[in-house]
Amino acid sequence: MPLKPLLLLTECWDLFNPRDLRSLVTAAQVAEAEGIDGVMLSEHIVLGRNSESAGAKTNPREFDAPNNQPPTTAHPSSMVMLGAIAAATTRVRLFAGAILPVLRHPLQVAKDLATLDLLSKGRLVVLPTVSWGEEEYAALGKDFHKRGKMLDEQYEVWQKCWREGPASYSGEFYKFDEVYVEPKPYTPAGPRLWPTGAYLHPAALRRVVKYGSGYAPGGPMAPGEFDKITEALTAAGRDPKTFEVMGGIMGRFKGTDDLADLDEACKQIPANVRSGATVVIAKPSQYIRSLDEFPAFCRRFAERVGSAG
């Protein structure tokens, strides 16, 4: 499977203007034209006052991580933005990164994801997670400590809604009887799901094998994790060669307002390949200051990933 380049478009507010969301759509069009395989948007619905309790980033271009984000950080609706990007592009894959389904009812999530998949003609990739913001859960009336069990039920509901009509479900958190969720997704079994998490814990591995067409680790995969996934997929009768894994490059900063060097960061790509990655994500704002530089950045990154793959 060829190695593919992926860009994170949110979190880049030192590059994009959060009051000009059309610029993200334009960036996705440019990325598509310059050979980028996919664009990702992350999400939070709300942030609480303690969202930066782990301390501020040394350099604002660093990746967002648990409790390192100012509560005023812009997080536009990923569902809305992906819809706009889907309508403006034809090839680039749309990654709903770090989507937080348990903060919504699963029937609404099933409807939104099916709509995006149909609108994009099967280009949607969904990375469901439970995240870290306890204040976010409290604000939306959800039990933070039961989020893993709620996520399992979300997966079960989606499978029923995307494949059946009418669908019924009775679980600990969600119950409904003979409902129709229409229209169905473009992809017959539903959008591609890539379970994600801080590490490959047993629940994550179970979700990967049962529902996943890929896996998105929260950072570099630990030694042996890819082998564990391969073995589990094989034992379940699934072909590991069709399974995708997300890797990534991370820029190195020397100061509080400098840029990272893309060529230096791309030296991390071979290690990604060795750990099983089929997709490599980069954060553009780590390497450029102006949108005028964005097309050339896309070309360079696509070329580096292609040559490494």
C-alpha atoms as a PDB file:
ATOM      1  CA  MET A   1       0.000   0.000   0.000  1.00  0.00           C
ATOM      2  CA  PRO A   2       1.580   3.340  -1.054  1.00  0.00           C
ATOM      3  CA  LEU A   3       2.471   5.766   1.717  1.00  0.00           C
ATOM      4  CA  LYS A   4       0.111   8.753   1.657  1.00  0.00           C
ATOM      5  CA  PRO A   5       0.460  12.381   2.859  1.00  0.00           C
ATOM      6  CA  LEU A   6      -2.185  13.886   5.153  1.00  0.00           C
ATOM      7  CA  LEU A   7      -2.514  17.465   6.447  1.00  0.00           C
ATOM      8  CA  LEU A   8      -4.049  18.741   9.669  1.00  0.00           C
ATOM      9  CA  LEU A   9      -5.892  21.968   8.839  1.00  0.00           C
ATOM     10  CA  THR A  10      -7.287  22.904  12.248  1.00  0.00           C
ATOM     11  CA  GLU A  11      -4.945  23.882  15.110  1.00  0.00           C
ATOM     12  CA  CYS A  12      -3.150  26.059  12.528  1.00  0.00           C
ATOM     13  CA  TRP A  13      -4.512  29.419  13.674  1.00  0.00           C
ATOM     14  CA  ASP A  14      -1.107  31.059  13.375  1.00  0.00           C
ATOM     15  CA  LEU A  15      -1.467  30.301   9.646  1.00  0.00           C
ATOM     16  CA  PHE A  16      -5.229  30.518   9.021  1.00  0.00           C
ATOM     17  CA  ASN A  17      -7.561  33.211  10.306  1.00  0.00           C
ATOM     18  CA  PRO A  18     -10.217  31.546  12.527  1.00  0.00           C
ATOM     19  CA  ARG A  19     -12.688  34.218  11.380  1.00  0.00           C
ATOM     20  CA  ASP A  20     -12.121  33.229   7.735  1.00  0.00           C
ATOM     21  CA  LEU A  21     -13.174  29.586   7.588  1.00  0.00           C
ATOM     22  CA  ARG A  22     -13.419  29.690   3.804  1.00  0.00           C
ATOM     23  CA  SER A  23      -9.617  29.713   3.821  1.00  0.00           C
ATOM     24  CA  LEU A  24      -9.684  26.123   5.150  1.00  0.00           C
ATOM     25  CA  VAL A  25     -11.855  25.087   2.215  1.00  0.00           C
ATOM     26  CA  THR A  26      -9.479  26.808  -0.199  1.00  0.00           C
ATOM     27  CA  ALA A  27      -6.537  25.100   1.492  1.00  0.00           C
ATOM     28  CA  ALA A  28      -8.193  21.704   0.998  1.00  0.00           C
ATOM     29  CA  GLN A  29      -8.622  22.481  -2.714  1.00  0.00           C
ATOM     30  CA  VAL A  30      -4.959  23.463  -2.988  1.00  0.00           C
ATOM     31  CA  ALA A  31      -3.879  20.342  -1.092  1.00  0.00           C
ATOM     32  CA  GLU A  32      -5.909  18.187  -3.466  1.00  0.00           C
ATOM     33  CA  ALA A  33      -4.327  19.828  -6.503  1.00  0.00           C
ATOM     34  CA  GLU A  34      -0.798  19.384  -5.104  1.00  0.00           C
ATOM     35  CA  GLY A  35      -1.007  15.649  -4.437  1.00  0.00           C
ATOM     36  CA  ILE A  36      -2.088  15.490  -0.794  1.00  0.00           C
ATOM     37  CA  ASP A  37      -4.196  12.383  -0.038  1.00  0.00           C
ATOM     38  CA  GLY A  38      -6.289  13.731   2.840  1.00  0.00           C
ATOM     39  CA  VAL A  39      -7.083  16.671   5.097  1.00  0.00           C
ATOM     40  CA  MET A  40      -8.034  16.356   8.750  1.00  0.00           C
ATOM     41  CA  LEU A  41     -10.139  18.521  11.040  1.00  0.00           C
ATOM     42  CA  SER A  42     -10.121  17.914  14.792  1.00  0.00           C
ATOM     43  CA  GLU A  43     -12.822  18.980  17.232  1.00  0.00           C
ATOM     44  CA  HIS A  44     -13.949  20.080  20.633  1.00  0.00           C
ATOM     45  CA  ILE A  45     -17.491  21.282  21.209  1.00  0.00           C
ATOM     46  CA  VAL A  46     -16.490  23.429  24.183  1.00  0.00           C
ATOM     47  CA  LEU A  47     -13.377  23.970  26.281  1.00  0.00           C
ATOM     48  CA  GLY A  48     -13.386  24.659  30.001  1.00  0.00           C
ATOM     49  CA  ARG A  49     -11.272  27.048  32.048  1.00  0.00           C
ATOM     50  CA  ASN A  50      -8.800  24.263  32.866  1.00  0.00           C
ATOM     51  CA  SER A  51      -8.075  23.287  29.262  1.00  0.00           C
ATOM     52  CA  GLU A  52      -4.528  24.636  29.621  1.00  0.00           C
ATOM     53  CA  SER A  53      -3.863  23.165  33.060  1.00  0.00           C
ATOM     54  CA  ALA A  54      -0.847  21.180  31.832  1.00  0.00           C
ATOM     55  CA  GLY A  55       0.821  24.416  30.803  1.00  0.00           C
ATOM     56  CA  ALA A  56       1.020  26.512  27.677  1.00  0.00           C
ATOM     57  CA  LYS A  57       2.870  25.327  24.594  1.00  0.00           C
ATOM     58  CA  THR A  58       6.437  26.527  24.400  1.00  0.00           C
ATOM     59  CA  ASN A  59       5.839  27.322  20.753  1.00  0.00           C
ATOM     60  CA  PRO A  60       2.244  27.906  19.568  1.00  0.00           C
ATOM     61  CA  ARG A  61       2.927  25.742  16.501  1.00  0.00           C
ATOM     62  CA  GLU A  62       3.254  22.590  18.574  1.00  0.00           C
ATOM     63  CA  PHE A  63       0.498  19.991  18.302  1.00  0.00           C
ATOM     64  CA  ASP A  64      -2.539  20.330  20.541  1.00  0.00           C
ATOM     65  CA  ALA A  65      -2.465  17.803  23.383  1.00  0.00           C
ATOM     66  CA  PRO A  66      -4.542  17.145  26.504  1.00  0.00           C
ATOM     67  CA  ASN A  67      -4.720  20.250  28.681  1.00  0.00           C
ATOM     68  CA  ASN A  68      -2.317  22.400  26.655  1.00  0.00           C
ATOM     69  CA  GLN A  69      -4.925  24.522  24.827  1.00  0.00           C
ATOM     70  CA  PRO A  70      -6.170  27.976  25.860  1.00  0.00           C
ATOM     71  CA  PRO A  71      -9.933  27.865  26.433  1.00  0.00           C
ATOM     72  CA  THR A  72     -10.345  30.499  23.698  1.00  0.00           C
ATOM     73  CA  THR A  73      -8.885  28.175  21.045  1.00  0.00           C
ATOM     74  CA  ALA A  74     -11.102  28.087  17.943  1.00  0.00           C
ATOM     75  CA  HIS A  75     -12.685  24.719  17.178  1.00  0.00           C
ATOM     76  CA  PRO A  76     -15.154  25.209  14.302  1.00  0.00           C
ATOM     77  CA  SER A  77     -17.662  22.419  13.770  1.00  0.00           C
ATOM     78  CA  SER A  78     -15.800  19.666  11.964  1.00  0.00           C
ATOM     79  CA  MET A  79     -19.058  18.273  10.553  1.00  0.00           C
ATOM     80  CA  VAL A  80     -19.970  21.608   8.962  1.00  0.00           C
ATOM     81  CA  MET A  81     -16.451  22.263   7.697  1.00  0.00           C
ATOM     82  CA  LEU A  82     -16.053  18.780   6.217  1.00  0.00           C
ATOM     83  CA  GLY A  83     -19.345  19.240   4.407  1.00  0.00           C
ATOM     84  CA  ALA A  84     -18.061  22.449   2.851  1.00  0.00           C
ATOM     85  CA  ILE A  85     -14.789  20.787   1.864  1.00  0.00           C
ATOM     86  CA  ALA A  86     -16.607  17.755   0.458  1.00  0.00           C
ATOM     87  CA  ALA A  87     -18.664  20.020  -1.803  1.00  0.00           C
ATOM     88  CA  ALA A  88     -15.564  21.875  -3.030  1.00  0.00           C
ATOM     89  CA  THR A  89     -13.291  18.896  -3.763  1.00  0.00           C
ATOM     90  CA  THR A  90     -13.479  15.611  -5.665  1.00  0.00           C
ATOM     91  CA  ARG A  91     -10.549  13.389  -4.640  1.00  0.00           C
ATOM     92  CA  VAL A  92      -8.984  14.342  -1.314  1.00  0.00           C
ATOM     93  CA  ARG A  93     -10.033  12.181   1.629  1.00  0.00           C
ATOM     94  CA  LEU A  94     -11.842  13.856   4.529  1.00  0.00           C
ATOM     95  CA  PHE A  95     -10.625  12.868   7.991  1.00  0.00           C
ATOM     96  CA  ALA A  96     -12.985  13.633  10.871  1.00  0.00           C
ATOM     97  CA  GLY A  97     -10.166  13.602  13.391  1.00  0.00           C
ATOM     98  CA  ALA A  98     -10.738  13.093  17.096  1.00  0.00           C
ATOM     99  CA  ILE A  99     -14.504  13.341  16.666  1.00  0.00           C
ATOM    100  CA  LEU A 100     -16.310  13.096  20.022  1.00  0.00           C
ATOM    101  CA  PRO A 101     -19.452  11.050  19.340  1.00  0.00           C
ATOM    102  CA  VAL A 102     -20.422  10.376  22.948  1.00  0.00           C
ATOM    103  CA  LEU A 103     -21.178  14.076  23.415  1.00  0.00           C
ATOM    104  CA  ARG A 104     -24.056  13.626  20.949  1.00  0.00           C
ATOM    105  CA  HIS A 105     -26.834  11.101  20.501  1.00  0.00           C
ATOM    106  CA  PRO A 106     -25.677   8.216  18.270  1.00  0.00           C
ATOM    107  CA  LEU A 107     -28.659   8.603  15.933  1.00  0.00           C
ATOM    108  CA  GLN A 108     -27.606  12.196  15.227  1.00  0.00           C
ATOM    109  CA  VAL A 109     -23.983  11.109  14.745  1.00  0.00           C
ATOM    110  CA  ALA A 110     -25.069   8.287  12.420  1.00  0.00           C
ATOM    111  CA  LYS A 111     -27.129  10.737  10.376  1.00  0.00           C
ATOM    112  CA  ASP A 112     -24.340  13.335  10.111  1.00  0.00           C
ATOM    113  CA  LEU A 113     -21.632  10.827   9.187  1.00  0.00           C
ATOM    114  CA  ALA A 114     -23.837   9.081   6.637  1.00  0.00           C
ATOM    115  CA  THR A 115     -24.643  12.450   5.062  1.00  0.00           C
ATOM    116  CA  LEU A 116     -20.955  13.416   4.859  1.00  0.00           C
ATOM    117  CA  ASP A 117     -20.032  10.056   3.383  1.00  0.00           C
ATOM    118  CA  LEU A 118     -22.752  10.337   0.750  1.00  0.00           C
ATOM    119  CA  LEU A 119     -21.903  13.963  -0.041  1.00  0.00           C
ATOM    120  CA  SER A 120     -18.220  13.089  -0.501  1.00  0.00           C
ATOM    121  CA  LYS A 121     -18.958   9.839  -2.385  1.00  0.00           C
ATOM    122  CA  GLY A 122     -17.163   7.665   0.129  1.00  0.00           C
ATOM    123  CA  ARG A 123     -14.175   9.867   0.940  1.00  0.00           C
ATOM    124  CA  LEU A 124     -14.936  10.148   4.672  1.00  0.00           C
ATOM    125  CA  VAL A 125     -12.640   8.635   7.321  1.00  0.00           C
ATOM    126  CA  VAL A 126     -13.847   8.898  10.936  1.00  0.00           C
ATOM    127  CA  LEU A 127     -11.559   8.813  13.980  1.00  0.00           C
ATOM    128  CA  PRO A 128     -13.892   8.378  16.977  1.00  0.00           C
ATOM    129  CA  THR A 129     -12.430   9.078  20.409  1.00  0.00           C
ATOM    130  CA  VAL A 130     -13.500   9.944  23.945  1.00  0.00           C
ATOM    131  CA  SER A 131     -10.942  12.717  24.561  1.00  0.00           C
ATOM    132  CA  TRP A 132      -9.765  14.190  27.857  1.00  0.00           C
ATOM    133  CA  GLY A 133     -11.934  17.223  28.714  1.00  0.00           C
ATOM    134  CA  GLU A 134     -13.921  16.418  31.833  1.00  0.00           C
ATOM    135  CA  GLU A 135     -15.307  19.975  31.844  1.00  0.00           C
ATOM    136  CA  GLU A 136     -16.541  19.437  28.290  1.00  0.00           C
ATOM    137  CA  TYR A 137     -18.463  16.348  29.372  1.00  0.00           C
ATOM    138  CA  ALA A 138     -19.947  18.138  32.369  1.00  0.00           C
ATOM    139  CA  ALA A 139     -21.120  21.065  30.249  1.00  0.00           C
ATOM    140  CA  LEU A 140     -22.923  18.705  27.880  1.00  0.00           C
ATOM    141  CA  GLY A 141     -24.433  16.557  30.634  1.00  0.00           C
ATOM    142  CA  LYS A 142     -22.417  13.388  29.887  1.00  0.00           C
ATOM    143  CA  ASP A 143     -20.710  11.064  32.352  1.00  0.00           C
ATOM    144  CA  PHE A 144     -16.965  11.396  31.761  1.00  0.00           C
ATOM    145  CA  HIS A 145     -16.246   8.177  33.630  1.00  0.00           C
ATOM    146  CA  LYS A 146     -18.510   6.068  31.406  1.00  0.00           C
ATOM    147  CA  ARG A 147     -17.324   7.461  28.117  1.00  0.00           C
ATOM    148  CA  GLY A 148     -15.658   4.231  26.963  1.00  0.00           C
ATOM    149  CA  LYS A 149     -18.841   2.182  27.430  1.00  0.00           C
ATOM    150  CA  MET A 150     -20.843   4.902  25.702  1.00  0.00           C
ATOM    151  CA  LEU A 151     -18.449   4.832  22.751  1.00  0.00           C
ATOM    152  CA  ASP A 152     -18.910   1.062  22.396  1.00  0.00           C
ATOM    153  CA  GLU A 153     -22.667   1.560  22.180  1.00  0.00           C
ATOM    154  CA  GLN A 154     -22.195   4.334  19.615  1.00  0.00           C
ATOM    155  CA  TYR A 155     -20.325   1.921  17.343  1.00  0.00           C
ATOM    156  CA  GLU A 156     -23.100  -0.660  17.725  1.00  0.00           C
ATOM    157  CA  VAL A 157     -25.823   1.876  16.925  1.00  0.00           C
ATOM    158  CA  TRP A 158     -24.043   3.143  13.821  1.00  0.00           C
ATOM    159  CA  GLN A 159     -23.694  -0.342  12.403  1.00  0.00           C
ATOM    160  CA  LYS A 160     -27.406  -0.945  12.800  1.00  0.00           C
ATOM    161  CA  CYS A 161     -28.487   2.410  11.387  1.00  0.00           C
ATOM    162  CA  TRP A 162     -26.193   2.301   8.370  1.00  0.00           C
ATOM    163  CA  ARG A 163     -27.157  -1.221   7.326  1.00  0.00           C
ATOM    164  CA  GLU A 164     -30.749  -1.749   8.449  1.00  0.00           C
ATOM    165  CA  GLY A 165     -34.137  -0.109   8.173  1.00  0.00           C
ATOM    166  CA  PRO A 166     -35.840  -0.010  10.505  1.00  0.00           C
ATOM    167  CA  ALA A 167     -33.216  -0.307  13.251  1.00  0.00           C
ATOM    168  CA  SER A 168     -33.779  -1.010  16.939  1.00  0.00           C
ATOM    169  CA  TYR A 169     -31.362  -0.920  19.862  1.00  0.00           C
ATOM    170  CA  SER A 170     -31.485  -1.454  23.608  1.00  0.00           C
ATOM    171  CA  GLY A 171     -28.366  -0.720  25.621  1.00  0.00           C
ATOM    172  CA  GLU A 172     -27.351   0.844  28.910  1.00  0.00           C
ATOM    173  CA  PHE A 173     -27.232   4.374  27.493  1.00  0.00           C
ATOM    174  CA  TYR A 174     -29.284   4.374  24.288  1.00  0.00           C
ATOM    175  CA  LYS A 175     -32.636   2.810  23.440  1.00  0.00           C
ATOM    176  CA  PHE A 176     -34.865   3.148  20.378  1.00  0.00           C
ATOM    177  CA  ASP A 177     -37.246   0.971  18.417  1.00  0.00           C
ATOM    178  CA  GLU A 178     -37.795   0.663  14.658  1.00  0.00           C
ATOM    179  CA  VAL A 179     -36.373   3.922  13.386  1.00  0.00           C
ATOM    180  CA  TYR A 180     -35.118   4.769   9.905  1.00  0.00           C
ATOM    181  CA  VAL A 181     -31.923   6.781   9.467  1.00  0.00           C
ATOM    182  CA  GLU A 182     -31.888   7.955   5.867  1.00  0.00           C
ATOM    183  CA  PRO A 183     -30.190   8.437   3.546  1.00  0.00           C
ATOM    184  CA  LYS A 184     -27.752   5.563   3.949  1.00  0.00           C
ATOM    185  CA  PRO A 185     -24.009   6.254   3.556  1.00  0.00           C
ATOM    186  CA  TYR A 186     -22.315   6.072   0.166  1.00  0.00           C
ATOM    187  CA  THR A 187     -20.115   3.251   1.497  1.00  0.00           C
ATOM    188  CA  PRO A 188     -22.337   0.169   1.954  1.00  0.00           C
ATOM    189  CA  ALA A 189     -21.006  -0.768   5.414  1.00  0.00           C
ATOM    190  CA  GLY A 190     -20.731   2.876   6.477  1.00  0.00           C
ATOM    191  CA  PRO A 191     -17.822   5.354   6.509  1.00  0.00           C
ATOM    192  CA  ARG A 192     -14.359   4.034   7.200  1.00  0.00           C
ATOM    193  CA  LEU A 193     -13.693   4.018  10.933  1.00  0.00           C
ATOM    194  CA  TRP A 194     -10.220   4.398  12.429  1.00  0.00           C
ATOM    195  CA  PRO A 195     -10.408   3.930  16.211  1.00  0.00           C
ATOM    196  CA  THR A 196      -7.926   6.158  17.999  1.00  0.00           C
ATOM    197  CA  GLY A 197      -6.484   6.579  21.457  1.00  0.00           C
ATOM    198  CA  ALA A 198      -3.452   7.536  23.483  1.00  0.00           C
ATOM    199  CA  TYR A 199      -2.176   3.957  23.225  1.00  0.00           C
ATOM    200  CA  LEU A 200      -3.343   0.528  22.070  1.00  0.00           C
ATOM    201  CA  HIS A 201      -5.193  -0.570  25.210  1.00  0.00           C
ATOM    202  CA  PRO A 202      -7.380  -3.726  25.076  1.00  0.00           C
ATOM    203  CA  ALA A 203     -10.604  -1.808  24.348  1.00  0.00           C
ATOM    204  CA  ALA A 204      -8.918   0.069  21.492  1.00  0.00           C
ATOM    205  CA  LEU A 205      -7.618  -3.175  19.986  1.00  0.00           C
ATOM    206  CA  ARG A 206     -11.069  -4.733  20.257  1.00  0.00           C
ATOM    207  CA  ARG A 207     -12.638  -1.756  18.434  1.00  0.00           C
ATOM    208  CA  VAL A 208      -9.923  -1.843  15.791  1.00  0.00           C
ATOM    209  CA  VAL A 209     -10.562  -5.485  14.987  1.00  0.00           C
ATOM    210  CA  LYS A 210     -14.353  -5.310  15.134  1.00  0.00           C
ATOM    211  CA  TYR A 211     -14.981  -1.986  13.383  1.00  0.00           C
ATOM    212  CA  GLY A 212     -11.781  -0.473  12.060  1.00  0.00           C
ATOM    213  CA  SER A 213     -10.401  -0.153   8.567  1.00  0.00           C
ATOM    214  CA  GLY A 214      -7.477   1.666  10.151  1.00  0.00           C
ATOM    215  CA  TYR A 215      -5.949   2.803  13.437  1.00  0.00           C
ATOM    216  CA  ALA A 216      -4.855   6.290  14.523  1.00  0.00           C
ATOM    217  CA  PRO A 217      -2.528   6.191  17.550  1.00  0.00           C
ATOM    218  CA  GLY A 218      -2.155   9.277  19.691  1.00  0.00           C
ATOM    219  CA  GLY A 219       1.582   9.351  18.961  1.00  0.00           C
ATOM    220  CA  PRO A 220       4.343   7.048  17.729  1.00  0.00           C
ATOM    221  CA  MET A 221       3.317   3.409  18.079  1.00  0.00           C
ATOM    222  CA  ALA A 222       5.110   1.478  20.794  1.00  0.00           C
ATOM    223  CA  PRO A 223       7.281  -1.470  19.721  1.00  0.00           C
ATOM    224  CA  GLY A 224       5.159  -4.518  19.020  1.00  0.00           C
ATOM    225  CA  GLU A 225       1.829  -2.681  18.699  1.00  0.00           C
ATOM    226  CA  PHE A 226       1.617  -3.054  14.930  1.00  0.00           C
ATOM    227  CA  ASP A 227       2.394  -6.765  15.253  1.00  0.00           C
ATOM    228  CA  LYS A 228      -0.363  -7.048  17.849  1.00  0.00           C
ATOM    229  CA  ILE A 229      -2.852  -5.458  15.429  1.00  0.00           C
ATOM    230  CA  THR A 230      -1.723  -7.692  12.564  1.00  0.00           C
ATOM    231  CA  GLU A 231      -2.069 -10.821  14.672  1.00  0.00           C
ATOM    232  CA  ALA A 232      -5.513  -9.823  15.943  1.00  0.00           C
ATOM    233  CA  LEU A 233      -6.774  -9.014  12.440  1.00  0.00           C
ATOM    234  CA  THR A 234      -5.475 -12.313  11.098  1.00  0.00           C
ATOM    235  CA  ALA A 235      -7.075 -14.242  13.957  1.00  0.00           C
ATOM    236  CA  ALA A 236     -10.393 -12.535  13.113  1.00  0.00           C
ATOM    237  CA  GLY A 237     -10.133 -13.595   9.478  1.00  0.00           C
ATOM    238  CA  ARG A 238      -9.307 -10.110   8.211  1.00  0.00           C
ATOM    239  CA  ASP A 239      -6.552  -9.182   5.746  1.00  0.00           C
ATOM    240  CA  PRO A 240      -3.957  -6.900   7.410  1.00  0.00           C
ATOM    241  CA  LYS A 241      -2.777  -5.749   3.978  1.00  0.00           C
ATOM    242  CA  THR A 242      -5.967  -3.712   3.546  1.00  0.00           C
ATOM    243  CA  PHE A 243      -5.605  -2.068   6.973  1.00  0.00           C
ATOM    244  CA  GLU A 244      -4.272   1.490   7.335  1.00  0.00           C
ATOM    245  CA  VAL A 245      -2.276   3.047  10.167  1.00  0.00           C
ATOM    246  CA  MET A 246      -1.658   6.737  10.787  1.00  0.00           C
ATOM    247  CA  GLY A 247       1.816   8.016  11.430  1.00  0.00           C
ATOM    248  CA  GLY A 248       3.102  11.547  11.541  1.00  0.00           C
ATOM    249  CA  ILE A 249       5.996  13.955  11.608  1.00  0.00           C
ATOM    250  CA  MET A 250       6.576  16.542  14.307  1.00  0.00           C
ATOM    251  CA  GLY A 251       8.571  19.711  13.820  1.00  0.00           C
ATOM    252  CA  ARG A 252      11.398  20.600  16.209  1.00  0.00           C
ATOM    253  CA  PHE A 253      11.522  24.140  17.540  1.00  0.00           C
ATOM    254  CA  LYS A 254      14.455  25.988  19.052  1.00  0.00           C
ATOM    255  CA  GLY A 255      12.514  28.994  20.335  1.00  0.00           C
ATOM    256  CA  THR A 256       9.067  30.341  21.056  1.00  0.00           C
ATOM    257  CA  ASP A 257       8.287  31.759  17.602  1.00  0.00           C
ATOM    258  CA  ASP A 258      10.485  29.925  15.104  1.00  0.00           C
ATOM    259  CA  LEU A 259       9.524  27.515  12.360  1.00  0.00           C
ATOM    260  CA  ALA A 260      10.554  23.892  12.108  1.00  0.00           C
ATOM    261  CA  ASP A 261      12.524  22.530   9.174  1.00  0.00           C
ATOM    262  CA  LEU A 262      10.429  20.271   6.938  1.00  0.00           C
ATOM    263  CA  ASP A 263      13.382  18.314   5.556  1.00  0.00           C
ATOM    264  CA  GLU A 264      14.584  17.578   9.071  1.00  0.00           C
ATOM    265  CA  ALA A 265      11.097  16.508  10.180  1.00  0.00           C
ATOM    266  CA  CYS A 266      10.698  14.242   7.152  1.00  0.00           C
ATOM    267  CA  LYS A 267      13.640  12.194   8.393  1.00  0.00           C
ATOM    268  CA  GLN A 268      11.048  10.722  10.794  1.00  0.00           C
ATOM    269  CA  ILE A 269       9.145   9.137   7.894  1.00  0.00           C
ATOM    270  CA  PRO A 270      11.225   5.920   7.620  1.00  0.00           C
ATOM    271  CA  ALA A 271      10.556   5.179  11.292  1.00  0.00           C
ATOM    272  CA  ASN A 272       6.853   5.676  10.571  1.00  0.00           C
ATOM    273  CA  VAL A 273       7.053   3.118   7.768  1.00  0.00           C
ATOM    274  CA  ARG A 274       8.838   0.619  10.005  1.00  0.00           C
ATOM    275  CA  SER A 275       6.073   0.960  12.598  1.00  0.00           C
ATOM    276  CA  GLY A 276       3.416   0.111  10.009  1.00  0.00           C
ATOM    277  CA  ALA A 277       2.203   3.577   8.979  1.00  0.00           C
ATOM    278  CA  THR A 278       0.409   3.908   5.652  1.00  0.00           C
ATOM    279  CA  VAL A 279      -0.488   7.594   6.119  1.00  0.00           C
ATOM    280  CA  VAL A 280       1.773  10.358   7.462  1.00  0.00           C
ATOM    281  CA  ILE A 281       0.236  13.535   8.889  1.00  0.00           C
ATOM    282  CA  ALA A 282       1.890  16.947   9.108  1.00  0.00           C
ATOM    283  CA  LYS A 283       0.783  20.251  10.587  1.00  0.00           C
ATOM    284  CA  PRO A 284       1.492  22.949   7.965  1.00  0.00           C
ATOM    285  CA  SER A 285       1.807  25.861  10.379  1.00  0.00           C
ATOM    286  CA  GLN A 286       4.882  24.231  11.894  1.00  0.00           C
ATOM    287  CA  TYR A 287       6.799  24.903   8.684  1.00  0.00           C
ATOM    288  CA  ILE A 288       5.373  28.016   6.990  1.00  0.00           C
ATOM    289  CA  ARG A 289       4.151  31.455   8.090  1.00  0.00           C
ATOM    290  CA  SER A 290       2.061  32.509   5.090  1.00  0.00           C
ATOM    291  CA  LEU A 291      -0.676  30.927   2.985  1.00  0.00           C
ATOM    292  CA  ASP A 292       1.327  32.102  -0.039  1.00  0.00           C
ATOM    293  CA  GLU A 293       3.784  29.337   0.880  1.00  0.00           C
ATOM    294  CA  PHE A 294       1.091  26.680   1.239  1.00  0.00           C
ATOM    295  CA  PRO A 295       1.050  25.260  -2.334  1.00  0.00           C
ATOM    296  CA  ALA A 296       4.824  24.792  -2.353  1.00  0.00           C
ATOM    297  CA  PHE A 297       4.680  23.227   1.112  1.00  0.00           C
ATOM    298  CA  CYS A 298       2.052  20.725  -0.080  1.00  0.00           C
ATOM    299  CA  ARG A 299       4.195  19.763  -3.072  1.00  0.00           C
ATOM    300  CA  ARG A 300       7.321  19.327  -0.961  1.00  0.00           C
ATOM    301  CA  PHE A 301       5.560  17.244   1.664  1.00  0.00           C
ATOM    302  CA  ALA A 302       3.841  15.046  -0.938  1.00  0.00           C
ATOM    303  CA  GLU A 303       7.180  14.502  -2.682  1.00  0.00           C
ATOM    304  CA  ARG A 304       8.964  13.582   0.567  1.00  0.00           C
ATOM    305  CA  VAL A 305       6.247  11.099   1.542  1.00  0.00           C
ATOM    306  CA  GLY A 306       6.137   9.620  -1.949  1.00  0.00           C
ATOM    307  CA  SER A 307       9.886   9.096  -2.134  1.00  0.00           C
ATOM    308  CA  ALA A 308      10.017   7.574   1.357  1.00  0.00           C
ATOM    309  CA  GLY A 309       7.136   5.235   0.558  1.00  0.00           C
END
